[in-house]
């Protein structure tokens, strides 16, 4: 995994130095998403690893640096997605945990160059298809995080929304 700052000036672009934020190997690099935390002006990247984890990326001039990756769920994960809730000023990760095959979401708080997470909350307590989870914040007027997912049981796409409170999220049916 690599990151670099791209600066646009008119019709020209310039590239900053490469930051190798993950020099290991593994399938985790194939499943990652990022969001921008406008409150802290940081980028948060969530990835699929043995356990789902996320890190805060800081941009300074033309350089980018990654903080330490922090686990947001236990067990092997697939279908990782992340969004920023601008009302609660928190990030929300959504993923499928392979040990239970359930869908889980966790609320993260950015502080400096690190992130901490509340306990994962199940948004679907039946089988969720691998790599089928996507989340997006619904906007300040809606004040909900929307999660789309496909269960293993049929060929439909399901939608659920959740509301962040503190370091947790609760879901509608």
N, C-alpha and C. Protein backbone atom coordinates (compact mmCIF):
# COMPACT_ATOMS: atom_id res chain seq x y z
N UNK A 1 0.83 -1.18 0.00
CA UNK A 1 0.00 0.00 0.00
C UNK A 1 0.87 1.24 0.00
N UNK A 2 0.56 2.15 -0.87
CA UNK A 2 1.34 3.38 -0.99
C UNK A 2 0.42 4.57 -1.05
N UNK A 3 0.91 5.70 -0.62
CA UNK A 3 0.16 6.95 -0.69
C UNK A 3 1.10 8.06 -1.12
N UNK A 4 0.54 9.04 -1.81
CA UNK A 4 1.30 10.23 -2.14
C UNK A 4 0.34 11.38 -2.34
N UNK A 5 0.82 12.58 -2.07
CA UNK A 5 0.03 13.79 -2.23
C UNK A 5 0.14 14.25 -3.68
N UNK A 6 -1.00 14.57 -4.27
CA UNK A 6 -1.06 15.12 -5.62
C UNK A 6 -1.57 16.55 -5.50
N UNK A 7 -0.78 17.50 -5.99
CA UNK A 7 -1.17 18.91 -5.94
C UNK A 7 -1.58 19.36 -7.34
N UNK A 8 -2.77 19.98 -7.42
CA UNK A 8 -3.27 20.50 -8.69
C UNK A 8 -3.14 22.01 -8.68
N UNK A 9 -2.53 22.55 -9.73
CA UNK A 9 -2.39 23.99 -9.90
C UNK A 9 -2.76 24.32 -11.34
N UNK A 10 -3.96 24.88 -11.52
CA UNK A 10 -4.43 25.12 -12.88
C UNK A 10 -4.65 23.80 -13.58
N UNK A 11 -3.90 23.59 -14.67
CA UNK A 11 -4.00 22.32 -15.41
C UNK A 11 -2.80 21.42 -15.16
N UNK A 12 -1.93 21.82 -14.26
CA UNK A 12 -0.72 21.03 -13.97
C UNK A 12 -0.86 20.31 -12.63
N UNK A 13 -0.21 19.15 -12.53
CA UNK A 13 -0.17 18.43 -11.27
C UNK A 13 1.28 18.17 -10.88
N UNK A 14 1.51 18.09 -9.58
CA UNK A 14 2.83 17.69 -9.09
C UNK A 14 2.62 16.63 -8.02
N UNK A 15 3.58 15.74 -7.92
CA UNK A 15 3.48 14.60 -7.01
C UNK A 15 4.46 14.72 -5.87
N UNK A 16 3.96 14.42 -4.66
CA UNK A 16 4.83 14.39 -3.50
C UNK A 16 5.54 13.05 -3.41
N UNK A 17 6.26 12.87 -2.32
CA UNK A 17 7.01 11.64 -2.11
C UNK A 17 6.06 10.48 -1.79
N UNK A 18 6.48 9.28 -2.13
CA UNK A 18 5.69 8.07 -1.85
C UNK A 18 5.86 7.69 -0.39
N UNK A 19 4.74 7.34 0.26
CA UNK A 19 4.77 6.78 1.61
C UNK A 19 4.29 5.35 1.51
N UNK A 20 5.15 4.40 1.87
CA UNK A 20 4.79 2.98 1.88
C UNK A 20 4.14 2.66 3.22
N UNK A 21 2.80 2.77 3.29
CA UNK A 21 2.11 2.57 4.56
C UNK A 21 1.91 1.11 4.90
N UNK A 22 2.13 0.22 3.97
CA UNK A 22 2.05 -1.21 4.26
C UNK A 22 3.06 -1.91 3.37
N UNK A 23 4.16 -2.32 3.94
CA UNK A 23 5.20 -2.96 3.15
C UNK A 23 5.08 -4.48 3.16
N UNK A 24 4.08 -5.00 3.88
CA UNK A 24 3.87 -6.45 3.91
C UNK A 24 3.09 -6.89 2.68
N UNK A 25 2.70 -8.13 2.69
CA UNK A 25 1.90 -8.65 1.60
C UNK A 25 0.64 -9.25 2.18
N UNK A 26 -0.26 -9.67 1.32
CA UNK A 26 -1.48 -10.31 1.79
C UNK A 26 -2.69 -9.76 1.08
N UNK A 27 -3.79 -10.47 1.24
CA UNK A 27 -5.01 -10.08 0.55
C UNK A 27 -5.63 -8.82 1.11
N UNK A 28 -5.20 -8.37 2.29
CA UNK A 28 -5.76 -7.18 2.90
C UNK A 28 -5.61 -5.94 2.06
N UNK A 29 -4.59 -5.91 1.23
CA UNK A 29 -4.37 -4.73 0.40
C UNK A 29 -5.38 -4.63 -0.72
N UNK A 30 -6.10 -5.69 -0.99
CA UNK A 30 -7.10 -5.66 -2.06
C UNK A 30 -8.41 -5.05 -1.58
N UNK A 31 -8.61 -4.93 -0.27
CA UNK A 31 -9.86 -4.44 0.28
C UNK A 31 -9.59 -3.28 1.24
N UNK A 32 -9.61 -2.08 0.73
CA UNK A 32 -9.49 -0.93 1.61
C UNK A 32 -10.30 0.24 1.06
N UNK A 33 -10.76 1.07 1.98
CA UNK A 33 -11.50 2.28 1.63
C UNK A 33 -11.02 3.41 2.53
N UNK A 34 -11.22 4.63 2.07
CA UNK A 34 -10.80 5.80 2.85
C UNK A 34 -11.91 6.83 2.88
N UNK A 35 -11.87 7.66 3.90
CA UNK A 35 -12.79 8.79 4.00
C UNK A 35 -12.02 9.98 4.56
N UNK A 36 -12.60 11.16 4.40
CA UNK A 36 -11.99 12.39 4.89
C UNK A 36 -12.75 12.87 6.11
N UNK A 37 -12.04 13.05 7.23
CA UNK A 37 -12.61 13.59 8.46
C UNK A 37 -12.43 15.10 8.41
N UNK A 38 -13.48 15.83 8.07
CA UNK A 38 -13.37 17.28 7.90
C UNK A 38 -13.17 18.02 9.22
N UNK A 39 -13.55 17.41 10.33
CA UNK A 39 -13.34 18.03 11.64
C UNK A 39 -11.85 18.09 11.99
N UNK A 40 -11.13 17.01 11.76
CA UNK A 40 -9.71 16.96 12.10
C UNK A 40 -8.81 17.21 10.89
N UNK A 41 -9.42 17.28 9.70
CA UNK A 41 -8.70 17.45 8.44
C UNK A 41 -7.69 16.32 8.21
N UNK A 42 -8.16 15.10 8.48
CA UNK A 42 -7.34 13.90 8.31
C UNK A 42 -8.06 12.92 7.39
N UNK A 43 -7.30 12.02 6.82
CA UNK A 43 -7.85 10.94 6.02
C UNK A 43 -7.76 9.67 6.86
N UNK A 44 -8.83 8.89 6.87
CA UNK A 44 -8.83 7.63 7.61
C UNK A 44 -8.99 6.50 6.60
N UNK A 45 -8.09 5.54 6.66
CA UNK A 45 -8.10 4.40 5.76
C UNK A 45 -8.42 3.15 6.56
N UNK A 46 -9.45 2.42 6.14
CA UNK A 46 -9.82 1.14 6.76
C UNK A 46 -9.44 0.04 5.78
N UNK A 47 -8.92 -1.05 6.30
CA UNK A 47 -8.50 -2.15 5.42
C UNK A 47 -8.93 -3.49 6.00
N UNK A 48 -8.96 -4.47 5.13
CA UNK A 48 -9.22 -5.85 5.52
C UNK A 48 -7.86 -6.48 5.78
N UNK A 49 -7.67 -6.91 6.96
CA UNK A 49 -6.50 -7.66 7.33
C UNK A 49 -6.99 -8.89 8.08
N UNK A 50 -6.14 -9.58 8.80
CA UNK A 50 -6.61 -10.69 9.62
C UNK A 50 -7.74 -10.19 10.52
N UNK A 51 -7.56 -9.02 11.10
CA UNK A 51 -8.62 -8.30 11.80
C UNK A 51 -8.76 -6.97 11.07
N UNK A 52 -9.98 -6.47 10.93
CA UNK A 52 -10.16 -5.18 10.29
C UNK A 52 -9.48 -4.09 11.10
N UNK A 53 -8.74 -3.21 10.44
CA UNK A 53 -8.10 -2.12 11.15
C UNK A 53 -8.09 -0.85 10.30
N UNK A 54 -7.76 0.27 10.94
CA UNK A 54 -7.77 1.56 10.26
C UNK A 54 -6.64 2.43 10.82
N UNK A 55 -6.22 3.41 10.01
CA UNK A 55 -5.18 4.34 10.43
C UNK A 55 -5.52 5.74 9.95
N UNK A 56 -4.95 6.71 10.64
CA UNK A 56 -5.12 8.12 10.30
C UNK A 56 -3.93 8.55 9.45
N UNK A 57 -4.23 9.22 8.33
CA UNK A 57 -3.20 9.74 7.44
C UNK A 57 -3.20 11.26 7.54
N UNK A 58 -2.01 11.83 7.70
CA UNK A 58 -1.85 13.27 7.83
C UNK A 58 -1.10 13.81 6.63
N UNK A 59 -1.61 14.89 6.05
CA UNK A 59 -0.94 15.55 4.94
C UNK A 59 -0.30 16.83 5.46
N UNK A 60 0.97 16.98 5.15
CA UNK A 60 1.71 18.19 5.50
C UNK A 60 2.48 18.63 4.27
N UNK A 61 2.02 19.69 3.64
CA UNK A 61 2.66 20.13 2.40
C UNK A 61 2.48 19.09 1.32
N UNK A 62 3.58 18.55 0.83
CA UNK A 62 3.50 17.51 -0.21
C UNK A 62 3.81 16.13 0.34
N UNK A 63 3.82 15.99 1.66
CA UNK A 63 4.11 14.71 2.30
C UNK A 63 2.87 14.16 2.98
N UNK A 64 2.77 12.83 3.02
CA UNK A 64 1.70 12.16 3.73
C UNK A 64 2.33 11.12 4.66
N UNK A 65 1.79 11.04 5.87
CA UNK A 65 2.30 10.05 6.82
C UNK A 65 1.12 9.29 7.42
N UNK A 66 1.35 8.04 7.74
CA UNK A 66 0.31 7.18 8.31
C UNK A 66 0.58 6.94 9.78
N UNK A 67 -0.49 7.01 10.58
CA UNK A 67 -0.39 6.65 11.98
C UNK A 67 -0.43 5.14 12.13
N UNK A 68 -0.49 4.68 13.34
CA UNK A 68 -0.54 3.25 13.63
C UNK A 68 -1.93 2.70 13.34
N UNK A 69 -1.99 1.52 12.74
CA UNK A 69 -3.27 0.89 12.46
C UNK A 69 -3.89 0.36 13.75
N UNK A 70 -5.18 0.63 13.93
CA UNK A 70 -5.94 0.23 15.11
C UNK A 70 -7.08 -0.68 14.69
N UNK A 71 -7.24 -1.76 15.39
CA UNK A 71 -8.26 -2.76 15.07
C UNK A 71 -9.66 -2.22 15.37
N UNK A 72 -10.63 -2.42 14.44
CA UNK A 72 -12.01 -2.01 14.69
C UNK A 72 -12.95 -3.21 14.82
N UNK A 73 -12.51 -4.41 14.49
CA UNK A 73 -13.29 -5.61 14.70
C UNK A 73 -12.35 -6.80 14.80
N UNK A 74 -12.82 -7.87 15.41
CA UNK A 74 -12.00 -9.07 15.52
C UNK A 74 -12.44 -10.07 14.47
N UNK A 75 -11.58 -10.99 14.18
CA UNK A 75 -11.88 -12.00 13.18
C UNK A 75 -11.59 -11.48 11.79
N UNK A 76 -11.36 -12.39 10.87
CA UNK A 76 -11.08 -12.03 9.49
C UNK A 76 -12.28 -11.28 8.92
N UNK A 77 -12.02 -10.25 8.13
CA UNK A 77 -13.08 -9.42 7.59
C UNK A 77 -13.02 -9.37 6.07
N UNK A 78 -14.15 -9.09 5.46
CA UNK A 78 -14.22 -8.84 4.02
C UNK A 78 -15.22 -7.72 3.79
N UNK A 79 -15.16 -7.12 2.63
CA UNK A 79 -16.14 -6.10 2.28
C UNK A 79 -16.06 -4.84 3.11
N UNK A 80 -14.88 -4.40 3.48
CA UNK A 80 -14.71 -3.24 4.34
C UNK A 80 -15.10 -1.95 3.64
N UNK A 81 -15.82 -1.09 4.37
CA UNK A 81 -16.19 0.23 3.87
C UNK A 81 -16.11 1.22 5.03
N UNK A 82 -15.93 2.51 4.73
CA UNK A 82 -15.83 3.53 5.77
C UNK A 82 -16.45 4.83 5.27
N UNK A 83 -17.05 5.58 6.18
CA UNK A 83 -17.63 6.88 5.85
C UNK A 83 -17.45 7.82 7.03
N UNK A 84 -17.64 9.11 6.79
CA UNK A 84 -17.53 10.13 7.84
C UNK A 84 -18.90 10.70 8.14
N UNK A 85 -19.30 10.67 9.41
CA UNK A 85 -20.55 11.25 9.89
C UNK A 85 -20.24 12.66 10.36
N UNK A 86 -20.60 13.66 9.56
CA UNK A 86 -20.25 15.04 9.87
C UNK A 86 -21.06 15.61 11.03
N UNK A 87 -22.23 15.06 11.32
CA UNK A 87 -23.02 15.52 12.46
C UNK A 87 -22.36 15.08 13.77
N UNK A 88 -22.04 13.79 13.86
CA UNK A 88 -21.41 13.25 15.07
C UNK A 88 -19.91 13.50 15.09
N UNK A 89 -19.33 13.88 13.96
CA UNK A 89 -17.89 14.06 13.79
C UNK A 89 -17.12 12.79 14.15
N UNK A 90 -17.61 11.68 13.58
CA UNK A 90 -17.02 10.35 13.79
C UNK A 90 -16.93 9.65 12.45
N UNK A 91 -16.07 8.64 12.38
CA UNK A 91 -16.05 7.77 11.21
C UNK A 91 -16.80 6.49 11.56
N UNK A 92 -17.37 5.85 10.55
CA UNK A 92 -18.09 4.60 10.75
C UNK A 92 -17.52 3.59 9.76
N UNK A 93 -17.09 2.44 10.26
CA UNK A 93 -16.65 1.34 9.41
C UNK A 93 -17.78 0.31 9.34
N UNK A 94 -17.89 -0.35 8.22
CA UNK A 94 -18.85 -1.45 8.07
C UNK A 94 -18.11 -2.59 7.37
N UNK A 95 -18.35 -3.81 7.82
CA UNK A 95 -17.62 -4.95 7.29
C UNK A 95 -18.38 -6.24 7.53
N UNK A 96 -17.95 -7.28 6.87
CA UNK A 96 -18.46 -8.63 7.12
C UNK A 96 -17.38 -9.38 7.88
N UNK A 97 -17.73 -9.92 9.01
CA UNK A 97 -16.80 -10.72 9.79
C UNK A 97 -16.94 -12.18 9.36
N UNK A 98 -15.86 -12.79 8.95
CA UNK A 98 -15.95 -14.14 8.38
C UNK A 98 -16.20 -15.23 9.42
N UNK A 99 -15.85 -15.00 10.68
CA UNK A 99 -16.08 -16.05 11.68
C UNK A 99 -17.56 -16.23 11.97
N UNK A 100 -18.34 -15.17 11.97
CA UNK A 100 -19.79 -15.27 12.19
C UNK A 100 -20.57 -15.09 10.89
N UNK A 101 -19.97 -14.52 9.88
CA UNK A 101 -20.55 -14.10 8.60
C UNK A 101 -21.60 -13.00 8.78
N UNK A 102 -21.61 -12.36 9.94
CA UNK A 102 -22.53 -11.25 10.19
C UNK A 102 -21.91 -9.94 9.72
N UNK A 103 -22.75 -8.94 9.53
CA UNK A 103 -22.28 -7.60 9.21
C UNK A 103 -22.13 -6.78 10.49
N UNK A 104 -21.00 -6.08 10.61
CA UNK A 104 -20.72 -5.27 11.80
C UNK A 104 -20.32 -3.86 11.41
N UNK A 105 -20.65 -2.91 12.28
CA UNK A 105 -20.20 -1.53 12.12
C UNK A 105 -19.55 -1.09 13.42
N UNK A 106 -18.57 -0.20 13.30
CA UNK A 106 -17.90 0.35 14.48
C UNK A 106 -17.70 1.84 14.27
N UNK A 107 -17.79 2.60 15.35
CA UNK A 107 -17.64 4.05 15.32
C UNK A 107 -16.23 4.40 15.78
N UNK A 108 -15.55 5.25 14.99
CA UNK A 108 -14.18 5.64 15.30
C UNK A 108 -14.06 7.13 15.59
N UNK A 109 -13.16 7.45 16.51
CA UNK A 109 -12.88 8.83 16.88
C UNK A 109 -11.42 9.14 16.56
N UNK A 110 -11.19 10.16 15.74
CA UNK A 110 -9.83 10.57 15.37
C UNK A 110 -9.33 11.58 16.40
N UNK A 111 -8.11 11.35 16.87
CA UNK A 111 -7.45 12.27 17.80
C UNK A 111 -5.99 12.34 17.41
N UNK A 112 -5.57 13.49 16.89
CA UNK A 112 -4.19 13.63 16.43
C UNK A 112 -3.92 12.69 15.27
N UNK A 113 -2.93 11.81 15.46
CA UNK A 113 -2.57 10.87 14.39
C UNK A 113 -3.07 9.45 14.68
N UNK A 114 -4.00 9.32 15.62
CA UNK A 114 -4.51 7.99 15.96
C UNK A 114 -6.03 7.97 15.91
N UNK A 115 -6.57 6.76 15.94
CA UNK A 115 -8.02 6.56 15.95
C UNK A 115 -8.34 5.48 16.97
N UNK A 116 -9.47 5.66 17.66
CA UNK A 116 -9.96 4.64 18.59
C UNK A 116 -11.39 4.30 18.20
N UNK A 117 -11.80 3.06 18.50
CA UNK A 117 -13.11 2.57 18.09
C UNK A 117 -13.91 2.09 19.28
N UNK A 118 -15.23 2.30 19.21
CA UNK A 118 -16.15 1.69 20.14
C UNK A 118 -16.33 0.23 19.75
N UNK A 119 -17.11 -0.50 20.52
CA UNK A 119 -17.34 -1.92 20.24
C UNK A 119 -18.14 -2.08 18.95
N UNK A 120 -17.79 -3.10 18.14
CA UNK A 120 -18.56 -3.36 16.91
C UNK A 120 -20.01 -3.73 17.24
N UNK A 121 -20.93 -3.27 16.38
CA UNK A 121 -22.35 -3.54 16.54
C UNK A 121 -22.84 -4.27 15.29
N UNK A 122 -23.57 -5.38 15.47
CA UNK A 122 -24.10 -6.13 14.33
C UNK A 122 -25.22 -5.34 13.66
N UNK A 123 -25.12 -5.17 12.33
CA UNK A 123 -26.22 -4.57 11.60
C UNK A 123 -27.06 -5.62 10.89
N UNK A 124 -26.55 -6.85 10.83
CA UNK A 124 -27.30 -7.96 10.26
C UNK A 124 -26.80 -9.23 10.94
N UNK A 125 -27.68 -9.92 11.64
CA UNK A 125 -27.26 -11.12 12.37
C UNK A 125 -27.64 -12.39 11.63
N UNK A 126 -27.40 -12.36 10.32
CA UNK A 126 -27.47 -13.57 9.50
C UNK A 126 -26.38 -13.43 8.45
N UNK A 127 -26.24 -14.39 7.61
CA UNK A 127 -25.12 -14.42 6.68
C UNK A 127 -25.12 -13.23 5.72
N UNK A 128 -23.98 -12.56 5.66
CA UNK A 128 -23.76 -11.47 4.71
C UNK A 128 -22.75 -11.97 3.68
N UNK A 129 -23.01 -11.73 2.42
CA UNK A 129 -22.11 -12.18 1.36
C UNK A 129 -20.77 -11.47 1.47
N UNK A 130 -19.70 -12.18 1.16
CA UNK A 130 -18.35 -11.62 1.20
C UNK A 130 -18.25 -10.44 0.25
N UNK A 131 -17.55 -9.42 0.67
CA UNK A 131 -17.25 -8.23 -0.15
C UNK A 131 -18.50 -7.54 -0.66
N UNK A 132 -19.60 -7.57 0.11
CA UNK A 132 -20.83 -6.95 -0.37
C UNK A 132 -21.26 -5.75 0.46
N UNK A 133 -20.41 -5.25 1.35
CA UNK A 133 -20.80 -4.20 2.27
C UNK A 133 -20.31 -2.83 1.79
N UNK A 134 -21.20 -1.85 1.83
CA UNK A 134 -20.85 -0.48 1.45
C UNK A 134 -21.59 0.47 2.39
N UNK A 135 -20.90 1.49 2.90
CA UNK A 135 -21.58 2.45 3.76
C UNK A 135 -21.32 3.87 3.27
N UNK A 136 -22.28 4.76 3.54
CA UNK A 136 -22.17 6.16 3.17
C UNK A 136 -23.02 6.98 4.13
N UNK A 137 -22.53 8.15 4.48
CA UNK A 137 -23.28 9.04 5.36
C UNK A 137 -24.37 9.73 4.56
N UNK A 138 -25.56 9.83 5.12
CA UNK A 138 -26.72 10.37 4.42
C UNK A 138 -26.81 11.88 4.41
N UNK A 139 -25.89 12.58 5.01
CA UNK A 139 -25.93 14.04 5.02
C UNK A 139 -26.46 14.58 6.33
N UNK A 140 -26.18 15.85 6.60
CA UNK A 140 -26.54 16.45 7.88
C UNK A 140 -28.05 16.47 8.13
N UNK A 141 -28.85 16.63 7.08
CA UNK A 141 -30.30 16.65 7.29
C UNK A 141 -30.84 15.26 7.61
N UNK A 142 -30.25 14.22 7.04
CA UNK A 142 -30.70 12.85 7.30
C UNK A 142 -30.12 12.32 8.61
N UNK A 143 -28.87 12.69 8.90
CA UNK A 143 -28.18 12.31 10.13
C UNK A 143 -28.15 10.79 10.35
N UNK A 144 -27.97 10.02 9.28
CA UNK A 144 -27.87 8.56 9.38
C UNK A 144 -26.73 8.06 8.50
N UNK A 145 -26.17 6.94 8.91
CA UNK A 145 -25.21 6.23 8.08
C UNK A 145 -25.97 5.11 7.39
N UNK A 146 -25.90 5.09 6.07
CA UNK A 146 -26.60 4.10 5.27
C UNK A 146 -25.65 2.95 4.96
N UNK A 147 -26.12 1.72 5.15
CA UNK A 147 -25.32 0.55 4.84
C UNK A 147 -26.09 -0.31 3.85
N UNK A 148 -25.43 -0.64 2.74
CA UNK A 148 -25.97 -1.56 1.74
C UNK A 148 -25.21 -2.87 1.87
N UNK A 149 -25.92 -4.00 1.77
CA UNK A 149 -25.26 -5.29 1.85
C UNK A 149 -26.12 -6.34 1.18
N UNK A 150 -25.51 -7.43 0.80
CA UNK A 150 -26.21 -8.56 0.20
C UNK A 150 -26.04 -9.77 1.11
N UNK A 151 -27.13 -10.35 1.56
CA UNK A 151 -27.01 -11.57 2.36
C UNK A 151 -26.69 -12.77 1.46
N UNK A 152 -26.14 -13.80 2.05
CA UNK A 152 -25.85 -15.03 1.30
C UNK A 152 -27.12 -15.81 0.96
N UNK A 153 -28.24 -15.43 1.56
CA UNK A 153 -29.45 -16.24 1.45
C UNK A 153 -30.29 -15.97 0.21
N UNK A 154 -30.11 -14.83 -0.45
CA UNK A 154 -30.90 -14.54 -1.65
C UNK A 154 -30.11 -13.60 -2.57
N UNK A 155 -30.72 -13.17 -3.64
CA UNK A 155 -30.05 -12.33 -4.62
C UNK A 155 -30.46 -10.86 -4.52
N UNK A 156 -30.89 -10.43 -3.34
CA UNK A 156 -31.35 -9.06 -3.16
C UNK A 156 -30.28 -8.21 -2.49
N UNK A 157 -30.41 -6.91 -2.65
CA UNK A 157 -29.56 -5.95 -1.97
C UNK A 157 -30.37 -5.33 -0.85
N UNK A 158 -29.84 -5.30 0.35
CA UNK A 158 -30.55 -4.77 1.51
C UNK A 158 -29.94 -3.44 1.94
N UNK A 159 -30.78 -2.65 2.59
CA UNK A 159 -30.39 -1.32 3.05
C UNK A 159 -30.82 -1.19 4.50
N UNK A 160 -29.95 -0.63 5.32
CA UNK A 160 -30.28 -0.32 6.71
C UNK A 160 -29.59 0.98 7.05
N UNK A 161 -30.20 1.75 7.95
CA UNK A 161 -29.49 2.96 8.36
C UNK A 161 -29.32 2.97 9.87
N UNK A 162 -28.24 3.64 10.29
CA UNK A 162 -27.90 3.70 11.69
C UNK A 162 -27.61 5.11 12.12
N UNK A 163 -27.77 5.36 13.41
CA UNK A 163 -27.51 6.67 13.99
C UNK A 163 -26.39 6.54 15.01
N UNK A 164 -25.39 7.41 14.88
CA UNK A 164 -24.24 7.40 15.78
C UNK A 164 -24.59 8.18 17.05
N UNK A 165 -24.22 7.60 18.18
CA UNK A 165 -24.34 8.26 19.48
C UNK A 165 -23.10 7.93 20.28
N UNK A 166 -22.27 8.92 20.53
CA UNK A 166 -21.01 8.68 21.23
C UNK A 166 -20.10 7.81 20.39
N UNK A 167 -19.70 6.66 20.95
CA UNK A 167 -18.82 5.74 20.22
C UNK A 167 -19.56 4.48 19.79
N UNK A 168 -20.89 4.57 19.66
CA UNK A 168 -21.67 3.42 19.23
C UNK A 168 -22.64 3.85 18.13
N UNK A 169 -23.26 2.87 17.51
CA UNK A 169 -24.23 3.11 16.45
C UNK A 169 -25.40 2.17 16.68
N UNK A 170 -26.63 2.68 16.49
CA UNK A 170 -27.82 1.84 16.60
C UNK A 170 -28.51 1.84 15.24
N UNK A 171 -29.16 0.72 14.92
CA UNK A 171 -29.74 0.53 13.60
C UNK A 171 -31.25 0.39 13.64
N UNK A 172 -31.88 0.90 12.57
CA UNK A 172 -33.31 0.66 12.35
C UNK A 172 -33.45 -0.77 11.87
N UNK A 173 -34.68 -1.26 11.81
CA UNK A 173 -34.90 -2.61 11.28
C UNK A 173 -34.99 -2.55 9.77
